[in-house]
Amino acid sequence: MSENTTVTFTWENTTLSGYIEKEYENSYLVNINNPTKEIADSYNGRMVVSKKECKIEDNN
């Protein structure tokens, strides 16, 4: 999967979306679009998310 691909995932019963900044073996570093205040403060708007939790958004 290439960087800057848009993905969605669920975190604490909230569906979030963002783009992949970096790919690891079993996870992605995702820059969150419109992060909540908690995500912005605690995670600087970026989270490491399991590949199993991510769904690729269709940009067509």
PDB file of N, CA and C in Angstrom:
ATOM      1  N   MET A   1       0.863  -1.174   0.000  1.00  0.00           N
ATOM      2  CA  MET A   1       0.000   0.000   0.000  1.00  0.00           C
ATOM      3  C   MET A   1       0.904   1.229   0.000  1.00  0.00           C
ATOM      4  N   SER A   2       0.517   2.222  -0.744  1.00  0.00           N
ATOM      5  CA  SER A   2       1.345   3.414  -0.845  1.00  0.00           C
ATOM      6  C   SER A   2       0.994   4.436   0.223  1.00  0.00           C
ATOM      7  N   GLU A   3       1.959   5.269   0.530  1.00  0.00           N
ATOM      8  CA  GLU A   3       1.719   6.363   1.463  1.00  0.00           C
ATOM      9  C   GLU A   3       0.713   7.326   0.838  1.00  0.00           C
ATOM     10  N   ASN A   4       0.041   8.077   1.671  1.00  0.00           N
ATOM     11  CA  ASN A   4      -1.002   9.030   1.288  1.00  0.00           C
ATOM     12  C   ASN A   4      -2.299   8.358   0.833  1.00  0.00           C
ATOM     13  N   THR A   5      -2.414   7.043   1.016  1.00  0.00           N
ATOM     14  CA  THR A   5      -3.664   6.346   0.760  1.00  0.00           C
ATOM     15  C   THR A   5      -4.623   6.656   1.902  1.00  0.00           C
ATOM     16  N   THR A   6      -5.867   6.934   1.595  1.00  0.00           N
ATOM     17  CA  THR A   6      -6.853   7.258   2.622  1.00  0.00           C
ATOM     18  C   THR A   6      -7.471   5.984   3.170  1.00  0.00           C
ATOM     19  N   VAL A   7      -7.541   5.899   4.506  1.00  0.00           N
ATOM     20  CA  VAL A   7      -8.119   4.739   5.182  1.00  0.00           C
ATOM     21  C   VAL A   7      -9.110   5.193   6.240  1.00  0.00           C
ATOM     22  N   THR A   8     -10.002   4.284   6.632  1.00  0.00           N
ATOM     23  CA  THR A   8     -10.910   4.524   7.755  1.00  0.00           C
ATOM     24  C   THR A   8     -10.713   3.399   8.758  1.00  0.00           C
ATOM     25  N   PHE A   9     -10.983   3.693  10.032  1.00  0.00           N
ATOM     26  CA  PHE A   9     -10.885   2.692  11.082  1.00  0.00           C
ATOM     27  C   PHE A   9     -11.743   3.149  12.249  1.00  0.00           C
ATOM     28  N   THR A  10     -12.009   2.232  13.165  1.00  0.00           N
ATOM     29  CA  THR A  10     -12.814   2.545  14.340  1.00  0.00           C
ATOM     30  C   THR A  10     -11.912   2.579  15.562  1.00  0.00           C
ATOM     31  N   TRP A  11     -12.064   3.638  16.374  1.00  0.00           N
ATOM     32  CA  TRP A  11     -11.319   3.795  17.618  1.00  0.00           C
ATOM     33  C   TRP A  11     -12.281   4.281  18.685  1.00  0.00           C
ATOM     34  N   GLU A  12     -12.396   3.527  19.763  1.00  0.00           N
ATOM     35  CA  GLU A  12     -13.300   3.852  20.856  1.00  0.00           C
ATOM     36  C   GLU A  12     -14.707   4.188  20.349  1.00  0.00           C
ATOM     37  N   ASN A  13     -15.262   3.298  19.544  1.00  0.00           N
ATOM     38  CA  ASN A  13     -16.613   3.428  18.979  1.00  0.00           C
ATOM     39  C   ASN A  13     -16.800   4.661  18.097  1.00  0.00           C
ATOM     40  N   THR A  14     -15.718   5.201  17.576  1.00  0.00           N
ATOM     41  CA  THR A  14     -15.772   6.345  16.673  1.00  0.00           C
ATOM     42  C   THR A  14     -15.067   5.971  15.375  1.00  0.00           C
ATOM     43  N   THR A  15     -15.710   6.230  14.245  1.00  0.00           N
ATOM     44  CA  THR A  15     -15.087   5.980  12.948  1.00  0.00           C
ATOM     45  C   THR A  15     -14.258   7.193  12.564  1.00  0.00           C
ATOM     46  N   LEU A  16     -12.989   6.939  12.305  1.00  0.00           N
ATOM     47  CA  LEU A  16     -12.058   8.005  11.931  1.00  0.00           C
ATOM     48  C   LEU A  16     -11.485   7.710  10.556  1.00  0.00           C
ATOM     49  N   SER A  17     -11.035   8.755   9.878  1.00  0.00           N
ATOM     50  CA  SER A  17     -10.365   8.559   8.594  1.00  0.00           C
ATOM     51  C   SER A  17      -9.116   9.428   8.561  1.00  0.00           C
ATOM     52  N   GLY A  18      -8.206   9.039   7.706  1.00  0.00           N
ATOM     53  CA  GLY A  18      -6.965   9.775   7.558  1.00  0.00           C
ATOM     54  C   GLY A  18      -6.138   9.157   6.451  1.00  0.00           C
ATOM     55  N   TYR A  19      -4.926   9.653   6.305  1.00  0.00           N
ATOM     56  CA  TYR A  19      -4.069   9.108   5.254  1.00  0.00           C
ATOM     57  C   TYR A  19      -2.820   8.476   5.858  1.00  0.00           C
ATOM     58  N   ILE A  20      -2.312   7.476   5.165  1.00  0.00           N
ATOM     59  CA  ILE A  20      -1.150   6.724   5.637  1.00  0.00           C
ATOM     60  C   ILE A  20       0.104   7.572   5.435  1.00  0.00           C
ATOM     61  N   GLU A  21       0.825   7.793   6.534  1.00  0.00           N
ATOM     62  CA  GLU A  21       2.110   8.490   6.456  1.00  0.00           C
ATOM     63  C   GLU A  21       3.245   7.500   6.276  1.00  0.00           C
ATOM     64  N   LYS A  22       3.137   6.347   6.971  1.00  0.00           N
ATOM     65  CA  LYS A  22       4.196   5.355   6.913  1.00  0.00           C
ATOM     66  C   LYS A  22       3.596   3.975   7.137  1.00  0.00           C
ATOM     67  N   GLU A  23       4.150   2.989   6.468  1.00  0.00           N
ATOM     68  CA  GLU A  23       3.690   1.614   6.617  1.00  0.00           C
ATOM     69  C   GLU A  23       4.717   0.818   7.401  1.00  0.00           C
ATOM     70  N   TYR A  24       4.246   0.068   8.383  1.00  0.00           N
ATOM     71  CA  TYR A  24       5.080  -0.846   9.147  1.00  0.00           C
ATOM     72  C   TYR A  24       4.664  -2.267   8.805  1.00  0.00           C
ATOM     73  N   GLU A  25       5.282  -3.259   9.439  1.00  0.00           N
ATOM     74  CA  GLU A  25       4.995  -4.649   9.107  1.00  0.00           C
ATOM     75  C   GLU A  25       3.523  -4.999   9.329  1.00  0.00           C
ATOM     76  N   ASN A  26       2.962  -4.615  10.480  1.00  0.00           N
ATOM     77  CA  ASN A  26       1.585  -4.985  10.804  1.00  0.00           C
ATOM     78  C   ASN A  26       0.682  -3.797  11.071  1.00  0.00           C
ATOM     79  N   SER A  27       1.161  -2.580  10.790  1.00  0.00           N
ATOM     80  CA  SER A  27       0.375  -1.388  11.114  1.00  0.00           C
ATOM     81  C   SER A  27       0.737  -0.233  10.188  1.00  0.00           C
ATOM     82  N   TYR A  28      -0.057   0.831  10.312  1.00  0.00           N
ATOM     83  CA  TYR A  28       0.194   2.066   9.561  1.00  0.00           C
ATOM     84  C   TYR A  28       0.269   3.227  10.537  1.00  0.00           C
ATOM     85  N   LEU A  29       1.061   4.219  10.219  1.00  0.00           N
ATOM     86  CA  LEU A  29       1.017   5.502  10.903  1.00  0.00           C
ATOM     87  C   LEU A  29       0.033   6.345  10.106  1.00  0.00           C
ATOM     88  N   VAL A  30      -1.095   6.696  10.740  1.00  0.00           N
ATOM     89  CA  VAL A  30      -2.175   7.397  10.053  1.00  0.00           C
ATOM     90  C   VAL A  30      -2.282   8.814  10.585  1.00  0.00           C
ATOM     91  N   ASN A  31      -2.282   9.791   9.688  1.00  0.00           N
ATOM     92  CA  ASN A  31      -2.524  11.188  10.036  1.00  0.00           C
ATOM     93  C   ASN A  31      -4.027  11.387   9.936  1.00  0.00           C
ATOM     94  N   ILE A  32      -4.668  11.679  11.076  1.00  0.00           N
ATOM     95  CA  ILE A  32      -6.123  11.726  11.166  1.00  0.00           C
ATOM     96  C   ILE A  32      -6.674  13.011  10.563  1.00  0.00           C
ATOM     97  N   ASN A  33      -7.702  12.875   9.721  1.00  0.00           N
ATOM     98  CA  ASN A  33      -8.440  14.033   9.212  1.00  0.00           C
ATOM     99  C   ASN A  33      -9.399  14.477  10.311  1.00  0.00           C
ATOM    100  N   ASN A  34      -9.463  15.755  10.596  1.00  0.00           N
ATOM    101  CA  ASN A  34     -10.367  16.305  11.617  1.00  0.00           C
ATOM    102  C   ASN A  34     -10.274  15.559  12.943  1.00  0.00           C
ATOM    103  N   PRO A  35      -9.092  15.534  13.573  1.00  0.00           N
ATOM    104  CA  PRO A  35      -8.967  14.821  14.846  1.00  0.00           C
ATOM    105  C   PRO A  35      -9.764  15.501  15.959  1.00  0.00           C
ATOM    106  N   THR A  36     -10.240  14.689  16.901  1.00  0.00           N
ATOM    107  CA  THR A  36     -10.892  15.252  18.078  1.00  0.00           C
ATOM    108  C   THR A  36      -9.836  15.963  18.910  1.00  0.00           C
ATOM    109  N   LYS A  37     -10.268  16.761  19.871  1.00  0.00           N
ATOM    110  CA  LYS A  37      -9.326  17.469  20.739  1.00  0.00           C
ATOM    111  C   LYS A  37      -8.432  16.476  21.480  1.00  0.00           C
ATOM    112  N   GLU A  38      -9.022  15.361  21.947  1.00  0.00           N
ATOM    113  CA  GLU A  38      -8.245  14.345  22.654  1.00  0.00           C
ATOM    114  C   GLU A  38      -7.154  13.752  21.757  1.00  0.00           C
ATOM    115  N   ILE A  39      -7.509  13.410  20.524  1.00  0.00           N
ATOM    116  CA  ILE A  39      -6.527  12.841  19.600  1.00  0.00           C
ATOM    117  C   ILE A  39      -5.454  13.871  19.263  1.00  0.00           C
ATOM    118  N   ALA A  40      -5.870  15.102  19.039  1.00  0.00           N
ATOM    119  CA  ALA A  40      -4.904  16.154  18.722  1.00  0.00           C
ATOM    120  C   ALA A  40      -3.943  16.390  19.886  1.00  0.00           C
ATOM    121  N   ASP A  41      -4.475  16.419  21.112  1.00  0.00           N
ATOM    122  CA  ASP A  41      -3.641  16.679  22.285  1.00  0.00           C
ATOM    123  C   ASP A  41      -2.772  15.481  22.661  1.00  0.00           C
ATOM    124  N   SER A  42      -3.366  14.293  22.683  1.00  0.00           N
ATOM    125  CA  SER A  42      -2.659  13.104  23.147  1.00  0.00           C
ATOM    126  C   SER A  42      -1.774  12.455  22.090  1.00  0.00           C
ATOM    127  N   TYR A  43      -2.213  12.511  20.840  1.00  0.00           N
ATOM    128  CA  TYR A  43      -1.503  11.794  19.775  1.00  0.00           C
ATOM    129  C   TYR A  43      -0.984  12.701  18.670  1.00  0.00           C
ATOM    130  N   ASN A  44      -1.097  14.004  18.854  1.00  0.00           N
ATOM    131  CA  ASN A  44      -0.660  14.976  17.840  1.00  0.00           C
ATOM    132  C   ASN A  44      -1.322  14.743  16.486  1.00  0.00           C
ATOM    133  N   GLY A  45      -2.547  14.206  16.507  1.00  0.00           N
ATOM    134  CA  GLY A  45      -3.298  14.006  15.269  1.00  0.00           C
ATOM    135  C   GLY A  45      -2.853  12.819  14.446  1.00  0.00           C
ATOM    136  N   ARG A  46      -1.963  11.994  15.021  1.00  0.00           N
ATOM    137  CA  ARG A  46      -1.459  10.827  14.302  1.00  0.00           C
ATOM    138  C   ARG A  46      -1.552   9.609  15.212  1.00  0.00           C
ATOM    139  N   MET A  47      -1.884   8.466  14.629  1.00  0.00           N
ATOM    140  CA  MET A  47      -2.010   7.230  15.402  1.00  0.00           C
ATOM    141  C   MET A  47      -1.422   6.069  14.618  1.00  0.00           C
ATOM    142  N   VAL A  48      -0.873   5.091  15.346  1.00  0.00           N
ATOM    143  CA  VAL A  48      -0.448   3.843  14.735  1.00  0.00           C
ATOM    144  C   VAL A  48      -1.636   2.893  14.839  1.00  0.00           C
ATOM    145  N   VAL A  49      -2.075   2.379  13.691  1.00  0.00           N
ATOM    146  CA  VAL A  49      -3.292   1.563  13.621  1.00  0.00           C
ATOM    147  C   VAL A  49      -2.960   0.228  12.957  1.00  0.00           C
ATOM    148  N   SER A  50      -3.488  -0.848  13.523  1.00  0.00           N
ATOM    149  CA  SER A  50      -3.295  -2.183  12.960  1.00  0.00           C
ATOM    150  C   SER A  50      -3.835  -2.230  11.526  1.00  0.00           C
ATOM    151  N   LYS A  51      -3.132  -2.916  10.668  1.00  0.00           N
ATOM    152  CA  LYS A  51      -3.602  -3.083   9.288  1.00  0.00           C
ATOM    153  C   LYS A  51      -4.953  -3.791   9.248  1.00  0.00           C
ATOM    154  N   LYS A  52      -5.204  -4.678  10.220  1.00  0.00           N
ATOM    155  CA  LYS A  52      -6.470  -5.409  10.266  1.00  0.00           C
ATOM    156  C   LYS A  52      -7.650  -4.482  10.515  1.00  0.00           C
ATOM    157  N   GLU A  53      -7.419  -3.358  11.187  1.00  0.00           N
ATOM    158  CA  GLU A  53      -8.488  -2.414  11.520  1.00  0.00           C
ATOM    159  C   GLU A  53      -8.768  -1.415  10.394  1.00  0.00           C
ATOM    160  N   CYS A  54      -7.850  -1.275   9.453  1.00  0.00           N
ATOM    161  CA  CYS A  54      -7.973  -0.241   8.400  1.00  0.00           C
ATOM    162  C   CYS A  54      -8.747  -0.752   7.197  1.00  0.00           C
ATOM    163  N   LYS A  55      -9.579   0.119   6.673  1.00  0.00           N
ATOM    164  CA  LYS A  55     -10.301  -0.131   5.425  1.00  0.00           C
ATOM    165  C   LYS A  55      -9.913   0.959   4.449  1.00  0.00           C
ATOM    166  N   ILE A  56      -9.550   0.566   3.255  1.00  0.00           N
ATOM    167  CA  ILE A  56      -9.146   1.531   2.228  1.00  0.00           C
ATOM    168  C   ILE A  56     -10.381   2.223   1.685  1.00  0.00           C
ATOM    169  N   GLU A  57     -10.336   3.537   1.617  1.00  0.00           N
ATOM    170  CA  GLU A  57     -11.461   4.309   1.048  1.00  0.00           C
ATOM    171  C   GLU A  57     -11.326   4.331  -0.453  1.00  0.00           C
ATOM    172  N   ASP A  58     -12.453   4.195  -1.125  1.00  0.00           N
ATOM    173  CA  ASP A  58     -12.488   4.267  -2.578  1.00  0.00           C
ATOM    174  C   ASP A  58     -12.541   5.734  -2.972  1.00  0.00           C
ATOM    175  N   ASN A  59     -11.531   6.223  -3.651  1.00  0.00           N
ATOM    176  CA  ASN A  59     -11.447   7.637  -4.022  1.00  0.00           C
ATOM    177  C   ASN A  59     -12.004   7.912  -5.408  1.00  0.00           C
ATOM    178  N   ASN A  60     -12.757   6.979  -5.969  1.00  0.00           N
ATOM    179  CA  ASN A  60     -13.327   7.175  -7.311  1.00  0.00           C
ATOM    180  C   ASN A  60     -14.572   7.997  -7.250  1.00  0.00           C
TER     181      ASN A  60
END
